mmCIF file of all heavy atoms, coordinates in Angstrom:
data_MODEL
# 
_entry.id   MODEL 
# 
loop_
_atom_site.group_PDB 
_atom_site.id 
_atom_site.type_symbol 
_atom_site.label_atom_id 
_atom_site.label_alt_id 
_atom_site.label_comp_id 
_atom_site.label_asym_id 
_atom_site.label_entity_id 
_atom_site.label_seq_id 
_atom_site.pdbx_PDB_ins_code 
_atom_site.Cartn_x 
_atom_site.Cartn_y 
_atom_site.Cartn_z 
_atom_site.occupancy 
_atom_site.B_iso_or_equiv 
_atom_site.pdbx_formal_charge 
_atom_site.auth_seq_id 
_atom_site.auth_comp_id 
_atom_site.auth_asym_id 
_atom_site.auth_atom_id 
_atom_site.pdbx_PDB_model_num 
ATOM 1   N N   . PRO A 1 1  ? 41.209 -39.899 181.068 1.00 0.00 ? 1  PRO A N   1 
ATOM 2   C CA  . PRO A 1 1  ? 41.568 -39.373 182.382 1.00 0.00 ? 1  PRO A CA  1 
ATOM 3   C C   . PRO A 1 1  ? 43.009 -38.857 182.415 1.00 0.00 ? 1  PRO A C   1 
ATOM 4   O O   . PRO A 1 1  ? 43.879 -39.365 181.702 1.00 0.00 ? 1  PRO A O   1 
ATOM 5   C CB  . PRO A 1 1  ? 41.392 -40.582 183.307 1.00 0.00 ? 1  PRO A CB  1 
ATOM 6   C CG  . PRO A 1 1  ? 40.477 -41.503 182.583 1.00 0.00 ? 1  PRO A CG  1 
ATOM 7   C CD  . PRO A 1 1  ? 40.783 -41.313 181.131 1.00 0.00 ? 1  PRO A CD  1 
ATOM 8   N N   . ARG A 1 2  ? 43.219 -37.850 183.266 1.00 0.00 ? 2  ARG A N   1 
ATOM 9   C CA  . ARG A 1 2  ? 44.572 -37.340 183.506 1.00 0.00 ? 2  ARG A CA  1 
ATOM 10  C C   . ARG A 1 2  ? 44.935 -37.659 184.945 1.00 0.00 ? 2  ARG A C   1 
ATOM 11  O O   . ARG A 1 2  ? 44.158 -37.361 185.865 1.00 0.00 ? 2  ARG A O   1 
ATOM 12  C CB  . ARG A 1 2  ? 44.670 -35.847 183.250 1.00 0.00 ? 2  ARG A CB  1 
ATOM 13  C CG  . ARG A 1 2  ? 44.346 -35.450 181.827 1.00 0.00 ? 2  ARG A CG  1 
ATOM 14  C CD  . ARG A 1 2  ? 44.804 -34.038 181.509 1.00 0.00 ? 2  ARG A CD  1 
ATOM 15  N NE  . ARG A 1 2  ? 46.256 -33.953 181.412 1.00 0.00 ? 2  ARG A NE  1 
ATOM 16  C CZ  . ARG A 1 2  ? 46.903 -33.023 180.699 1.00 0.00 ? 2  ARG A CZ  1 
ATOM 17  N NH1 . ARG A 1 2  ? 46.215 -32.111 180.033 1.00 0.00 ? 2  ARG A NH1 1 
ATOM 18  N NH2 . ARG A 1 2  ? 48.212 -32.978 180.668 1.00 0.00 ? 2  ARG A NH2 1 
ATOM 19  N N   . SER A 1 3  ? 46.087 -38.217 185.144 1.00 0.00 ? 3  SER A N   1 
ATOM 20  C CA  . SER A 1 3  ? 46.467 -38.621 186.490 1.00 0.00 ? 3  SER A CA  1 
ATOM 21  C C   . SER A 1 3  ? 46.867 -37.409 187.327 1.00 0.00 ? 3  SER A C   1 
ATOM 22  O O   . SER A 1 3  ? 47.354 -36.394 186.807 1.00 0.00 ? 3  SER A O   1 
ATOM 23  C CB  . SER A 1 3  ? 47.635 -39.606 186.436 1.00 0.00 ? 3  SER A CB  1 
ATOM 24  O OG  . SER A 1 3  ? 48.829 -38.948 186.054 1.00 0.00 ? 3  SER A OG  1 
ATOM 25  N N   . GLY A 1 4  ? 46.667 -37.548 188.631 1.00 0.00 ? 4  GLY A N   1 
ATOM 26  C CA  . GLY A 1 4  ? 47.097 -36.489 189.537 1.00 0.00 ? 4  GLY A CA  1 
ATOM 27  C C   . GLY A 1 4  ? 48.589 -36.288 189.496 1.00 0.00 ? 4  GLY A C   1 
ATOM 28  O O   . GLY A 1 4  ? 49.085 -35.153 189.596 1.00 0.00 ? 4  GLY A O   1 
ATOM 29  N N   . GLU A 1 5  ? 49.338 -37.385 189.317 1.00 0.00 ? 5  GLU A N   1 
ATOM 30  C CA  . GLU A 1 5  ? 50.802 -37.276 189.242 1.00 0.00 ? 5  GLU A CA  1 
ATOM 31  C C   . GLU A 1 5  ? 51.229 -36.475 188.015 1.00 0.00 ? 5  GLU A C   1 
ATOM 32  O O   . GLU A 1 5  ? 52.112 -35.600 188.098 1.00 0.00 ? 5  GLU A O   1 
ATOM 33  C CB  . GLU A 1 5  ? 51.421 -38.675 189.185 1.00 0.00 ? 5  GLU A CB  1 
ATOM 34  C CG  . GLU A 1 5  ? 52.941 -38.655 189.159 1.00 0.00 ? 5  GLU A CG  1 
ATOM 35  C CD  . GLU A 1 5  ? 53.530 -40.054 189.146 1.00 0.00 ? 5  GLU A CD  1 
ATOM 36  O OE1 . GLU A 1 5  ? 52.753 -41.030 189.194 1.00 0.00 ? 5  GLU A OE1 1 
ATOM 37  O OE2 . GLU A 1 5  ? 54.766 -40.169 189.089 1.00 0.00 ? 5  GLU A OE2 1 
ATOM 38  N N   . GLU A 1 6  ? 50.586 -36.743 186.863 1.00 0.00 ? 6  GLU A N   1 
ATOM 39  C CA  . GLU A 1 6  ? 50.924 -36.002 185.644 1.00 0.00 ? 6  GLU A CA  1 
ATOM 40  C C   . GLU A 1 6  ? 50.616 -34.518 185.806 1.00 0.00 ? 6  GLU A C   1 
ATOM 41  O O   . GLU A 1 6  ? 51.426 -33.652 185.433 1.00 0.00 ? 6  GLU A O   1 
ATOM 42  C CB  . GLU A 1 6  ? 50.132 -36.571 184.469 1.00 0.00 ? 6  GLU A CB  1 
ATOM 43  C CG  . GLU A 1 6  ? 50.353 -35.810 183.163 1.00 0.00 ? 6  GLU A CG  1 
ATOM 44  C CD  . GLU A 1 6  ? 49.289 -36.103 182.117 1.00 0.00 ? 6  GLU A CD  1 
ATOM 45  O OE1 . GLU A 1 6  ? 48.470 -37.019 182.330 1.00 0.00 ? 6  GLU A OE1 1 
ATOM 46  O OE2 . GLU A 1 6  ? 49.277 -35.383 181.100 1.00 0.00 ? 6  GLU A OE2 1 
ATOM 47  N N   . MET A 1 7  ? 49.435 -34.214 186.375 1.00 0.00 ? 7  MET A N   1 
ATOM 48  C CA  . MET A 1 7  ? 49.069 -32.809 186.550 1.00 0.00 ? 7  MET A CA  1 
ATOM 49  C C   . MET A 1 7  ? 49.992 -32.121 187.551 1.00 0.00 ? 7  MET A C   1 
ATOM 50  O O   . MET A 1 7  ? 50.352 -30.956 187.369 1.00 0.00 ? 7  MET A O   1 
ATOM 51  C CB  . MET A 1 7  ? 47.608 -32.692 186.979 1.00 0.00 ? 7  MET A CB  1 
ATOM 52  C CG  . MET A 1 7  ? 46.632 -33.007 185.846 1.00 0.00 ? 7  MET A CG  1 
ATOM 53  S SD  . MET A 1 7  ? 44.919 -32.553 186.217 1.00 0.00 ? 7  MET A SD  1 
ATOM 54  C CE  . MET A 1 7  ? 44.472 -33.834 187.391 1.00 0.00 ? 7  MET A CE  1 
ATOM 55  N N   . SER A 1 8  ? 50.401 -32.816 188.600 1.00 0.00 ? 8  SER A N   1 
ATOM 56  C CA  . SER A 1 8  ? 51.294 -32.211 189.579 1.00 0.00 ? 8  SER A CA  1 
ATOM 57  C C   . SER A 1 8  ? 52.642 -31.866 188.947 1.00 0.00 ? 8  SER A C   1 
ATOM 58  O O   . SER A 1 8  ? 53.228 -30.815 189.231 1.00 0.00 ? 8  SER A O   1 
ATOM 59  C CB  . SER A 1 8  ? 51.478 -33.129 190.791 1.00 0.00 ? 8  SER A CB  1 
ATOM 60  O OG  . SER A 1 8  ? 52.192 -34.302 190.440 1.00 0.00 ? 8  SER A OG  1 
ATOM 61  N N   . ARG A 1 9  ? 53.139 -32.764 188.059 1.00 0.00 ? 9  ARG A N   1 
ATOM 62  C CA  . ARG A 1 9  ? 54.402 -32.477 187.369 1.00 0.00 ? 9  ARG A CA  1 
ATOM 63  C C   . ARG A 1 9  ? 54.238 -31.287 186.425 1.00 0.00 ? 9  ARG A C   1 
ATOM 64  O O   . ARG A 1 9  ? 55.090 -30.398 186.361 1.00 0.00 ? 9  ARG A O   1 
ATOM 65  C CB  . ARG A 1 9  ? 54.864 -33.691 186.559 1.00 0.00 ? 9  ARG A CB  1 
ATOM 66  C CG  . ARG A 1 9  ? 55.443 -34.822 187.387 1.00 0.00 ? 9  ARG A CG  1 
ATOM 67  C CD  . ARG A 1 9  ? 56.257 -35.770 186.513 1.00 0.00 ? 9  ARG A CD  1 
ATOM 68  N NE  . ARG A 1 9  ? 55.495 -36.246 185.356 1.00 0.00 ? 9  ARG A NE  1 
ATOM 69  C CZ  . ARG A 1 9  ? 54.794 -37.355 185.338 1.00 0.00 ? 9  ARG A CZ  1 
ATOM 70  N NH1 . ARG A 1 9  ? 54.718 -38.116 186.426 1.00 0.00 ? 9  ARG A NH1 1 
ATOM 71  N NH2 . ARG A 1 9  ? 54.134 -37.712 184.238 1.00 0.00 ? 9  ARG A NH2 1 
ATOM 72  N N   . THR A 1 10 ? 53.135 -31.273 185.660 1.00 0.00 ? 10 THR A N   1 
ATOM 73  C CA  . THR A 1 10 ? 52.906 -30.202 184.694 1.00 0.00 ? 10 THR A CA  1 
ATOM 74  C C   . THR A 1 10 ? 52.803 -28.842 185.377 1.00 0.00 ? 10 THR A C   1 
ATOM 75  O O   . THR A 1 10 ? 53.346 -27.837 184.891 1.00 0.00 ? 10 THR A O   1 
ATOM 76  C CB  . THR A 1 10 ? 51.602 -30.474 183.902 1.00 0.00 ? 10 THR A CB  1 
ATOM 77  O OG1 . THR A 1 10 ? 51.744 -31.712 183.200 1.00 0.00 ? 10 THR A OG1 1 
ATOM 78  C CG2 . THR A 1 10 ? 51.332 -29.362 182.900 1.00 0.00 ? 10 THR A CG2 1 
ATOM 79  N N   . LEU A 1 11 ? 52.140 -28.813 186.523 1.00 0.00 ? 11 LEU A N   1 
ATOM 80  C CA  . LEU A 1 11 ? 51.885 -27.544 187.211 1.00 0.00 ? 11 LEU A CA  1 
ATOM 81  C C   . LEU A 1 11 ? 52.947 -27.204 188.256 1.00 0.00 ? 11 LEU A C   1 
ATOM 82  O O   . LEU A 1 11 ? 52.938 -26.098 188.797 1.00 0.00 ? 11 LEU A O   1 
ATOM 83  C CB  . LEU A 1 11 ? 50.506 -27.580 187.874 1.00 0.00 ? 11 LEU A CB  1 
ATOM 84  C CG  . LEU A 1 11 ? 49.318 -27.776 186.912 1.00 0.00 ? 11 LEU A CG  1 
ATOM 85  C CD1 . LEU A 1 11 ? 48.030 -27.943 187.690 1.00 0.00 ? 11 LEU A CD1 1 
ATOM 86  C CD2 . LEU A 1 11 ? 49.218 -26.609 185.942 1.00 0.00 ? 11 LEU A CD2 1 
ATOM 87  N N   . GLY A 1 12 ? 53.823 -28.156 188.551 1.00 0.00 ? 12 GLY A N   1 
ATOM 88  C CA  . GLY A 1 12 ? 54.883 -27.895 189.534 1.00 0.00 ? 12 GLY A CA  1 
ATOM 89  C C   . GLY A 1 12 ? 54.377 -27.785 190.952 1.00 0.00 ? 12 GLY A C   1 
ATOM 90  O O   . GLY A 1 12 ? 54.902 -26.985 191.740 1.00 0.00 ? 12 GLY A O   1 
ATOM 91  N N   . VAL A 1 13 ? 53.346 -28.579 191.281 1.00 0.00 ? 13 VAL A N   1 
ATOM 92  C CA  . VAL A 1 13 ? 52.788 -28.574 192.640 1.00 0.00 ? 13 VAL A CA  1 
ATOM 93  C C   . VAL A 1 13 ? 52.682 -30.018 193.120 1.00 0.00 ? 13 VAL A C   1 
ATOM 94  O O   . VAL A 1 13 ? 52.916 -30.965 192.366 1.00 0.00 ? 13 VAL A O   1 
ATOM 95  C CB  . VAL A 1 13 ? 51.389 -27.903 192.659 1.00 0.00 ? 13 VAL A CB  1 
ATOM 96  C CG1 . VAL A 1 13 ? 51.482 -26.447 192.224 1.00 0.00 ? 13 VAL A CG1 1 
ATOM 97  C CG2 . VAL A 1 13 ? 50.402 -28.658 191.763 1.00 0.00 ? 13 VAL A CG2 1 
ATOM 98  N N   . SER A 1 14 ? 52.322 -30.176 194.379 1.00 0.00 ? 14 SER A N   1 
ATOM 99  C CA  . SER A 1 14 ? 52.185 -31.513 194.939 1.00 0.00 ? 14 SER A CA  1 
ATOM 100 C C   . SER A 1 14 ? 50.892 -32.169 194.482 1.00 0.00 ? 14 SER A C   1 
ATOM 101 O O   . SER A 1 14 ? 49.941 -31.483 194.069 1.00 0.00 ? 14 SER A O   1 
ATOM 102 C CB  . SER A 1 14 ? 52.217 -31.453 196.458 1.00 0.00 ? 14 SER A CB  1 
ATOM 103 O OG  . SER A 1 14 ? 51.054 -30.808 196.955 1.00 0.00 ? 14 SER A OG  1 
ATOM 104 N N   . ARG A 1 15 ? 50.831 -33.508 194.590 1.00 0.00 ? 15 ARG A N   1 
ATOM 105 C CA  . ARG A 1 15 ? 49.596 -34.211 194.256 1.00 0.00 ? 15 ARG A CA  1 
ATOM 106 C C   . ARG A 1 15 ? 48.492 -33.833 195.231 1.00 0.00 ? 15 ARG A C   1 
ATOM 107 O O   . ARG A 1 15 ? 47.314 -33.793 194.860 1.00 0.00 ? 15 ARG A O   1 
ATOM 108 C CB  . ARG A 1 15 ? 49.844 -35.723 194.284 1.00 0.00 ? 15 ARG A CB  1 
ATOM 109 C CG  . ARG A 1 15 ? 50.738 -36.206 193.148 1.00 0.00 ? 15 ARG A CG  1 
ATOM 110 C CD  . ARG A 1 15 ? 50.926 -37.704 193.171 1.00 0.00 ? 15 ARG A CD  1 
ATOM 111 N NE  . ARG A 1 15 ? 49.674 -38.414 192.932 1.00 0.00 ? 15 ARG A NE  1 
ATOM 112 C CZ  . ARG A 1 15 ? 49.572 -39.737 192.874 1.00 0.00 ? 15 ARG A CZ  1 
ATOM 113 N NH1 . ARG A 1 15 ? 50.652 -40.499 193.052 1.00 0.00 ? 15 ARG A NH1 1 
ATOM 114 N NH2 . ARG A 1 15 ? 48.406 -40.323 192.650 1.00 0.00 ? 15 ARG A NH2 1 
ATOM 115 N N   . ALA A 1 16 ? 48.861 -33.519 196.481 1.00 0.00 ? 16 ALA A N   1 
ATOM 116 C CA  . ALA A 1 16 ? 47.864 -33.089 197.464 1.00 0.00 ? 16 ALA A CA  1 
ATOM 117 C C   . ALA A 1 16 ? 47.214 -31.770 197.038 1.00 0.00 ? 16 ALA A C   1 
ATOM 118 O O   . ALA A 1 16 ? 46.005 -31.560 197.198 1.00 0.00 ? 16 ALA A O   1 
ATOM 119 C CB  . ALA A 1 16 ? 48.495 -32.942 198.838 1.00 0.00 ? 16 ALA A CB  1 
ATOM 120 N N   . ALA A 1 17 ? 48.031 -30.857 196.451 1.00 0.00 ? 17 ALA A N   1 
ATOM 121 C CA  . ALA A 1 17 ? 47.496 -29.577 195.985 1.00 0.00 ? 17 ALA A CA  1 
ATOM 122 C C   . ALA A 1 17 ? 46.536 -29.793 194.820 1.00 0.00 ? 17 ALA A C   1 
ATOM 123 O O   . ALA A 1 17 ? 45.488 -29.137 194.734 1.00 0.00 ? 17 ALA A O   1 
ATOM 124 C CB  . ALA A 1 17 ? 48.635 -28.652 195.567 1.00 0.00 ? 17 ALA A CB  1 
ATOM 125 N N   . VAL A 1 18 ? 46.866 -30.744 193.932 1.00 0.00 ? 18 VAL A N   1 
ATOM 126 C CA  . VAL A 1 18 ? 45.966 -31.075 192.822 1.00 0.00 ? 18 VAL A CA  1 
ATOM 127 C C   . VAL A 1 18 ? 44.657 -31.624 193.374 1.00 0.00 ? 18 VAL A C   1 
ATOM 128 O O   . VAL A 1 18 ? 43.571 -31.256 192.913 1.00 0.00 ? 18 VAL A O   1 
ATOM 129 C CB  . VAL A 1 18 ? 46.630 -32.081 191.860 1.00 0.00 ? 18 VAL A CB  1 
ATOM 130 C CG1 . VAL A 1 18 ? 45.613 -32.595 190.842 1.00 0.00 ? 18 VAL A CG1 1 
ATOM 131 C CG2 . VAL A 1 18 ? 47.807 -31.438 191.149 1.00 0.00 ? 18 VAL A CG2 1 
ATOM 132 N N   . TRP A 1 19 ? 44.738 -32.514 194.366 1.00 0.00 ? 19 TRP A N   1 
ATOM 133 C CA  . TRP A 1 19 ? 43.531 -33.099 194.959 1.00 0.00 ? 19 TRP A CA  1 
ATOM 134 C C   . TRP A 1 19 ? 42.651 -32.016 195.563 1.00 0.00 ? 19 TRP A C   1 
ATOM 135 O O   . TRP A 1 19 ? 41.424 -32.028 195.407 1.00 0.00 ? 19 TRP A O   1 
ATOM 136 C CB  . TRP A 1 19 ? 43.918 -34.122 196.018 1.00 0.00 ? 19 TRP A CB  1 
ATOM 137 C CG  . TRP A 1 19 ? 42.722 -34.795 196.629 1.00 0.00 ? 19 TRP A CG  1 
ATOM 138 C CD1 . TRP A 1 19 ? 42.066 -35.886 196.183 1.00 0.00 ? 19 TRP A CD1 1 
ATOM 139 C CD2 . TRP A 1 19 ? 42.013 -34.352 197.813 1.00 0.00 ? 19 TRP A CD2 1 
ATOM 140 N NE1 . TRP A 1 19 ? 40.988 -36.178 196.991 1.00 0.00 ? 19 TRP A NE1 1 
ATOM 141 C CE2 . TRP A 1 19 ? 40.944 -35.252 197.999 1.00 0.00 ? 19 TRP A CE2 1 
ATOM 142 C CE3 . TRP A 1 19 ? 42.204 -33.305 198.707 1.00 0.00 ? 19 TRP A CE3 1 
ATOM 143 C CZ2 . TRP A 1 19 ? 40.052 -35.122 199.060 1.00 0.00 ? 19 TRP A CZ2 1 
ATOM 144 C CZ3 . TRP A 1 19 ? 41.312 -33.171 199.759 1.00 0.00 ? 19 TRP A CZ3 1 
ATOM 145 C CH2 . TRP A 1 19 ? 40.248 -34.079 199.944 1.00 0.00 ? 19 TRP A CH2 1 
ATOM 146 N N   . LYS A 1 20 ? 43.268 -31.033 196.254 1.00 0.00 ? 20 LYS A N   1 
ATOM 147 C CA  . LYS A 1 20 ? 42.491 -29.949 196.851 1.00 0.00 ? 20 LYS A CA  1 
ATOM 148 C C   . LYS A 1 20 ? 41.807 -29.110 195.763 1.00 0.00 ? 20 LYS A C   1 
ATOM 149 O O   . LYS A 1 20 ? 40.661 -28.661 195.933 1.00 0.00 ? 20 LYS A O   1 
ATOM 150 C CB  . LYS A 1 20 ? 43.387 -29.064 197.712 1.00 0.00 ? 20 LYS A CB  1 
ATOM 151 C CG  . LYS A 1 20 ? 43.833 -29.724 199.011 1.00 0.00 ? 20 LYS A CG  1 
ATOM 152 C CD  . LYS A 1 20 ? 44.719 -28.794 199.827 1.00 0.00 ? 20 LYS A CD  1 
ATOM 153 C CE  . LYS A 1 20 ? 45.170 -29.458 201.125 1.00 0.00 ? 20 LYS A CE  1 
ATOM 154 N NZ  . LYS A 1 20 ? 46.048 -28.571 201.928 1.00 0.00 ? 20 LYS A NZ  1 
ATOM 155 N N   . ALA A 1 21 ? 42.507 -28.896 194.651 1.00 0.00 ? 21 ALA A N   1 
ATOM 156 C CA  . ALA A 1 21 ? 41.914 -28.131 193.558 1.00 0.00 ? 21 ALA A CA  1 
ATOM 157 C C   . ALA A 1 21 ? 40.729 -28.888 192.959 1.00 0.00 ? 21 ALA A C   1 
ATOM 158 O O   . ALA A 1 21 ? 39.685 -28.294 192.640 1.00 0.00 ? 21 ALA A O   1 
ATOM 159 C CB  . ALA A 1 21 ? 42.960 -27.845 192.482 1.00 0.00 ? 21 ALA A CB  1 
ATOM 160 N N   . ILE A 1 22 ? 40.864 -30.215 192.812 1.00 0.00 ? 22 ILE A N   1 
ATOM 161 C CA  . ILE A 1 22 ? 39.766 -31.039 192.315 1.00 0.00 ? 22 ILE A CA  1 
ATOM 162 C C   . ILE A 1 22 ? 38.563 -30.931 193.257 1.00 0.00 ? 22 ILE A C   1 
ATOM 163 O O   . ILE A 1 22 ? 37.409 -30.781 192.825 1.00 0.00 ? 22 ILE A O   1 
ATOM 164 C CB  . ILE A 1 22 ? 40.199 -32.511 192.182 1.00 0.00 ? 22 ILE A CB  1 
ATOM 165 C CG1 . ILE A 1 22 ? 41.279 -32.670 191.098 1.00 0.00 ? 22 ILE A CG1 1 
ATOM 166 C CG2 . ILE A 1 22 ? 39.005 -33.418 191.905 1.00 0.00 ? 22 ILE A CG2 1 
ATOM 167 C CD1 . ILE A 1 22 ? 40.795 -32.532 189.686 1.00 0.00 ? 22 ILE A CD1 1 
ATOM 168 N N   . ALA A 1 23 ? 38.833 -30.999 194.559 1.00 0.00 ? 23 ALA A N   1 
ATOM 169 C CA  . ALA A 1 23 ? 37.750 -30.899 195.553 1.00 0.00 ? 23 ALA A CA  1 
ATOM 170 C C   . ALA A 1 23 ? 37.048 -29.544 195.461 1.00 0.00 ? 23 ALA A C   1 
ATOM 171 O O   . ALA A 1 23 ? 35.820 -29.462 195.547 1.00 0.00 ? 23 ALA A O   1 
ATOM 172 C CB  . ALA A 1 23 ? 38.318 -31.122 196.955 1.00 0.00 ? 23 ALA A CB  1 
ATOM 173 N N   . ALA A 1 24 ? 37.838 -28.464 195.256 1.00 0.00 ? 24 ALA A N   1 
ATOM 174 C CA  . ALA A 1 24 ? 37.239 -27.128 195.142 1.00 0.00 ? 24 ALA A CA  1 
ATOM 175 C C   . ALA A 1 24 ? 36.369 -27.017 193.895 1.00 0.00 ? 24 ALA A C   1 
ATOM 176 O O   . ALA A 1 24 ? 35.280 -26.422 193.929 1.00 0.00 ? 24 ALA A O   1 
ATOM 177 C CB  . ALA A 1 24 ? 38.341 -26.074 195.111 1.00 0.00 ? 24 ALA A CB  1 
ATOM 178 N N   . LEU A 1 25 ? 36.818 -27.629 192.804 1.00 0.00 ? 25 LEU A N   1 
ATOM 179 C CA  . LEU A 1 25 ? 36.016 -27.609 191.578 1.00 0.00 ? 25 LEU A CA  1 
ATOM 180 C C   . LEU A 1 25 ? 34.719 -28.385 191.757 1.00 0.00 ? 25 LEU A C   1 
ATOM 181 O O   . LEU A 1 25 ? 33.648 -27.956 191.284 1.00 0.00 ? 25 LEU A O   1 
ATOM 182 C CB  . LEU A 1 25 ? 36.829 -28.178 190.416 1.00 0.00 ? 25 LEU A CB  1 
ATOM 183 C CG  . LEU A 1 25 ? 37.994 -27.315 189.905 1.00 0.00 ? 25 LEU A CG  1 
ATOM 184 C CD1 . LEU A 1 25 ? 38.873 -28.103 188.955 1.00 0.00 ? 25 LEU A CD1 1 
ATOM 185 C CD2 . LEU A 1 25 ? 37.467 -26.059 189.222 1.00 0.00 ? 25 LEU A CD2 1 
# 
């Protein structure tokens, strides 16, 4: 698993934005 915090840092976005992207997928 990849954490939302790690992905948010890598992509330079908020964890909420990562969560929304996960929901869209």
